[in-house]
Amino acid sequence: MAADGLRNFDLWNVAHVAAYHDDLKLLSMATLEQCKEPNRWGMTPMHMTGLGQHPYGPSLCVLWELVQMGAADPMALNSADQSPWHVAQRMQKPSHLKKWEKVVFKGGKPEEYDSKKEAQLKPRGKFARALGMDTALIEDSSKPLPVCLVFPGQGSQYVGMLQKQKDLPAVKAMLTKAQEVLGYDLAEILQNGPAD
């Protein structure tokens, strides 16, 4: 909704979406101005943290971040003349309101803040690697690479098909191992065909 410039009639920005969903990664993409900016209905991101529509309660981690950066204004009024505290009064459980008030008025850090921040802001994918580290291990090119002989299907095996590859060091080692395991020379069968 906030990303679509053509249909964003409510004027949500990334901070509103982050506050609604308690998403610290989204909040990290918002500017300080966006964290204070009201939407069409006068709802600031601080108002959005107190909506409490989710069963787990208000967006306490985003609220804590807004308070820390100075973007939380407890006196801001929306178009219905409601402060963020009035909006927070509509939460489903009284315990959720107490947690919200603890963060805003007492400066208490939410219990789940550190674990949520670690989980949501942890670099993933190519960003998780240390800079300057090569992803591929440097291997000794003098060692023979592993080899696997694959015969695509019935009728594709023909006598003499291994003529050019039998002298490769990796194929020699594989044929020697096959002779130890099978008890007969596989190279002989591939070169001359079966006895029958």
Protein backbone atom coordinates (compact mmCIF):
# COMPACT_ATOMS: atom_id res chain seq x y z
CA MET A 1 0.00 0.00 0.00
CA ALA A 2 2.70 2.49 0.96
CA ALA A 3 4.91 1.57 -1.98
CA ASP A 4 2.28 2.24 -4.62
CA GLY A 5 2.33 5.93 -5.57
CA LEU A 6 -0.84 5.65 -7.63
CA ARG A 7 -3.11 4.02 -5.07
CA ASN A 8 -1.65 5.26 -1.80
CA PHE A 9 -4.69 7.38 -0.96
CA ASP A 10 -4.12 7.12 2.79
CA LEU A 11 -0.58 8.52 2.40
CA TRP A 12 1.15 5.76 4.33
CA ASN A 13 4.92 5.74 4.21
CA VAL A 14 7.40 3.02 5.11
CA ALA A 15 7.40 4.07 8.79
CA HIS A 16 3.61 3.60 9.02
CA VAL A 17 3.88 0.09 7.59
CA ALA A 18 6.79 -0.74 9.91
CA ALA A 19 4.85 0.53 12.92
CA TYR A 20 1.73 -1.41 11.97
CA HIS A 21 3.66 -4.69 11.59
CA ASP A 22 6.37 -4.14 14.24
CA ASP A 23 9.05 -4.52 11.58
CA LEU A 24 12.43 -3.07 12.55
CA LYS A 25 13.96 -3.75 9.13
CA LEU A 26 11.32 -1.62 7.42
CA LEU A 27 11.77 1.08 10.05
CA SER A 28 15.50 1.14 9.32
CA MET A 29 14.63 2.26 5.76
CA ALA A 30 12.57 5.24 6.95
CA THR A 31 13.94 8.74 7.41
CA LEU A 32 13.41 10.75 10.59
CA GLU A 33 10.85 12.92 8.78
CA GLN A 34 8.88 9.84 7.72
CA CYS A 35 8.86 8.63 11.33
CA LYS A 36 7.08 11.85 12.37
CA GLU A 37 4.86 12.32 9.31
CA PRO A 38 1.08 11.83 9.65
CA ASN A 39 -0.94 9.94 7.06
CA ARG A 40 -4.17 11.22 5.51
CA TRP A 41 -6.08 10.66 8.75
CA GLY A 42 -3.43 12.31 10.92
CA MET A 43 -2.09 9.00 12.22
CA THR A 44 1.64 9.17 12.90
CA PRO A 45 3.73 6.00 13.13
CA MET A 46 3.41 6.32 16.91
CA HIS A 47 -0.38 6.14 16.55
CA MET A 48 0.06 3.03 14.39
CA THR A 49 2.09 1.22 17.07
CA GLY A 50 -0.85 1.43 19.45
CA LEU A 51 -3.44 -0.04 17.11
CA GLY A 52 -2.97 -3.47 18.68
CA GLN A 53 -4.88 -5.24 15.93
CA HIS A 54 -2.52 -8.18 16.04
CA PRO A 55 -3.13 -10.87 18.67
CA TYR A 56 0.41 -10.43 20.04
CA GLY A 57 -0.34 -6.81 20.87
CA PRO A 58 1.17 -3.45 20.02
CA SER A 59 4.30 -2.80 18.01
CA LEU A 60 6.53 -2.28 21.02
CA CYS A 61 9.91 -2.69 19.31
CA VAL A 62 9.15 -0.05 16.68
CA LEU A 63 7.66 2.17 19.39
CA TRP A 64 10.90 1.85 21.39
CA GLU A 65 12.93 2.85 18.32
CA LEU A 66 10.64 5.85 17.68
CA VAL A 67 11.05 6.99 21.29
CA GLN A 68 14.84 6.56 21.10
CA MET A 69 15.17 8.61 17.90
CA GLY A 70 12.90 11.37 19.22
CA ALA A 71 10.19 10.79 16.62
CA ALA A 72 7.51 9.79 19.13
CA ASP A 73 5.12 12.61 19.98
CA PRO A 74 2.59 11.50 22.62
CA MET A 75 0.66 14.77 22.17
CA ALA A 76 0.14 14.44 18.38
CA LEU A 77 -3.55 14.38 17.43
CA ASN A 78 -5.08 12.56 14.50
CA SER A 79 -8.09 13.84 12.54
CA ALA A 80 -10.41 12.44 15.25
CA ASP A 81 -8.54 14.45 17.92
CA GLN A 82 -7.04 11.31 19.42
CA SER A 83 -3.54 11.12 20.79
CA PRO A 84 -1.54 7.89 20.43
CA TRP A 85 -2.54 7.02 23.99
CA HIS A 86 -6.26 7.25 23.06
CA VAL A 87 -5.67 4.93 20.12
CA ALA A 88 -3.80 2.49 22.38
CA GLN A 89 -6.82 2.34 24.72
CA ARG A 90 -8.61 0.16 22.16
CA MET A 91 -6.23 -2.77 22.54
CA GLN A 92 -7.65 -6.24 23.06
CA LYS A 93 -5.90 -6.95 26.36
CA PRO A 94 -5.20 -4.58 29.28
CA SER A 95 -1.72 -6.08 29.66
CA HIS A 96 -0.87 -4.88 26.14
CA LEU A 97 -1.80 -1.31 27.08
CA LYS A 98 0.41 -1.52 30.17
CA LYS A 99 3.36 -2.63 28.05
CA TRP A 100 2.71 0.22 25.60
CA GLU A 101 2.53 2.78 28.44
CA LYS A 102 5.72 1.38 29.99
CA VAL A 103 7.65 2.04 26.78
CA VAL A 104 6.20 5.53 26.17
CA PHE A 105 5.89 7.04 29.62
CA LYS A 106 8.48 5.15 31.69
CA GLY A 107 11.12 4.58 29.01
CA GLY A 108 11.11 0.82 29.54
CA LYS A 109 12.74 -1.29 26.87
CA PRO A 110 10.50 -4.15 25.61
CA GLU A 111 11.62 -7.62 26.73
CA GLU A 112 11.65 -9.02 23.20
CA TYR A 113 13.48 -6.03 21.66
CA ASP A 114 17.00 -7.50 21.54
CA SER A 115 15.95 -10.87 20.13
CA LYS A 116 13.66 -9.25 17.56
CA LYS A 117 16.32 -6.77 16.50
CA GLU A 118 18.85 -9.59 16.11
CA ALA A 119 16.40 -11.67 14.08
CA GLN A 120 15.08 -8.90 11.84
CA LEU A 121 18.25 -6.90 11.20
CA LYS A 122 20.62 -9.85 10.81
CA PRO A 123 22.35 -9.70 7.41
CA ARG A 124 21.28 -12.53 5.13
CA GLY A 125 22.45 -13.95 1.84
CA LYS A 126 25.44 -12.30 0.25
CA PHE A 127 25.39 -9.58 2.93
CA ALA A 128 26.02 -12.13 5.72
CA ARG A 129 29.59 -12.80 4.59
CA ALA A 130 32.50 -10.79 5.84
CA LEU A 131 33.79 -8.35 3.25
CA GLY A 132 36.84 -9.46 1.33
CA MET A 133 36.22 -13.17 1.90
CA ASP A 134 36.19 -15.35 -1.18
CA THR A 135 33.20 -17.67 -1.24
CA ALA A 136 34.97 -20.44 -3.17
CA LEU A 137 37.70 -22.34 -1.40
CA ILE A 138 41.03 -22.28 -3.15
CA GLU A 139 41.74 -25.87 -4.13
CA ASP A 140 44.92 -27.55 -5.25
CA SER A 141 44.60 -27.83 -9.04
CA SER A 142 47.18 -30.64 -9.19
CA LYS A 143 44.80 -33.05 -7.45
CA PRO A 144 42.52 -35.05 -9.74
CA LEU A 145 38.89 -34.05 -9.55
CA PRO A 146 36.24 -36.64 -8.69
CA VAL A 147 34.84 -38.48 -11.69
CA CYS A 148 31.55 -40.24 -12.29
CA LEU A 149 30.72 -42.24 -15.39
CA VAL A 150 27.12 -41.82 -16.42
CA PHE A 151 25.48 -43.92 -19.06
CA PRO A 152 22.30 -42.15 -20.21
CA GLY A 153 20.14 -45.19 -20.77
CA GLN A 154 19.55 -48.55 -22.36
CA GLY A 155 21.32 -49.05 -25.67
CA SER A 156 23.70 -46.14 -25.17
CA GLN A 157 26.54 -48.35 -23.97
CA TYR A 158 28.74 -49.46 -26.82
CA VAL A 159 31.99 -51.34 -26.99
CA GLY A 160 35.00 -49.04 -26.85
CA MET A 161 33.16 -46.04 -25.47
CA LEU A 162 35.79 -45.46 -22.74
CA GLN A 163 38.75 -45.59 -25.15
CA LYS A 164 39.76 -41.91 -24.82
CA GLN A 165 39.03 -41.50 -21.10
CA LYS A 166 40.68 -44.65 -19.71
CA ASP A 167 44.11 -43.01 -19.44
CA LEU A 168 42.96 -40.07 -17.32
CA PRO A 169 44.33 -40.34 -13.73
CA ALA A 170 40.91 -39.94 -12.11
CA VAL A 171 39.34 -42.58 -14.38
CA LYS A 172 42.25 -44.97 -13.76
CA ALA A 173 41.73 -44.62 -10.01
CA MET A 174 38.00 -45.18 -10.38
CA LEU A 175 38.44 -48.28 -12.55
CA THR A 176 40.96 -49.71 -10.06
CA LYS A 177 38.49 -49.14 -7.21
CA ALA A 178 35.69 -50.69 -9.30
CA GLN A 179 37.83 -53.79 -9.92
CA GLU A 180 38.45 -54.14 -6.16
CA VAL A 181 34.75 -53.82 -5.35
CA LEU A 182 33.27 -55.84 -8.24
CA GLY A 183 35.95 -58.51 -8.48
CA TYR A 184 36.32 -58.21 -12.26
CA ASP A 185 37.84 -55.68 -14.65
CA LEU A 186 35.20 -53.18 -15.71
CA ALA A 187 37.60 -51.57 -18.21
CA GLU A 188 37.94 -54.90 -20.02
CA ILE A 189 34.18 -55.18 -20.46
CA LEU A 190 33.87 -51.56 -21.60
CA GLN A 191 36.69 -52.00 -24.15
CA ASN A 192 35.87 -55.44 -25.53
CA GLY A 193 32.22 -55.98 -24.65
CA PRO A 194 30.64 -58.76 -22.59
CA ALA A 195 31.65 -62.39 -23.09
CA ASP A 196 28.20 -63.50 -24.27
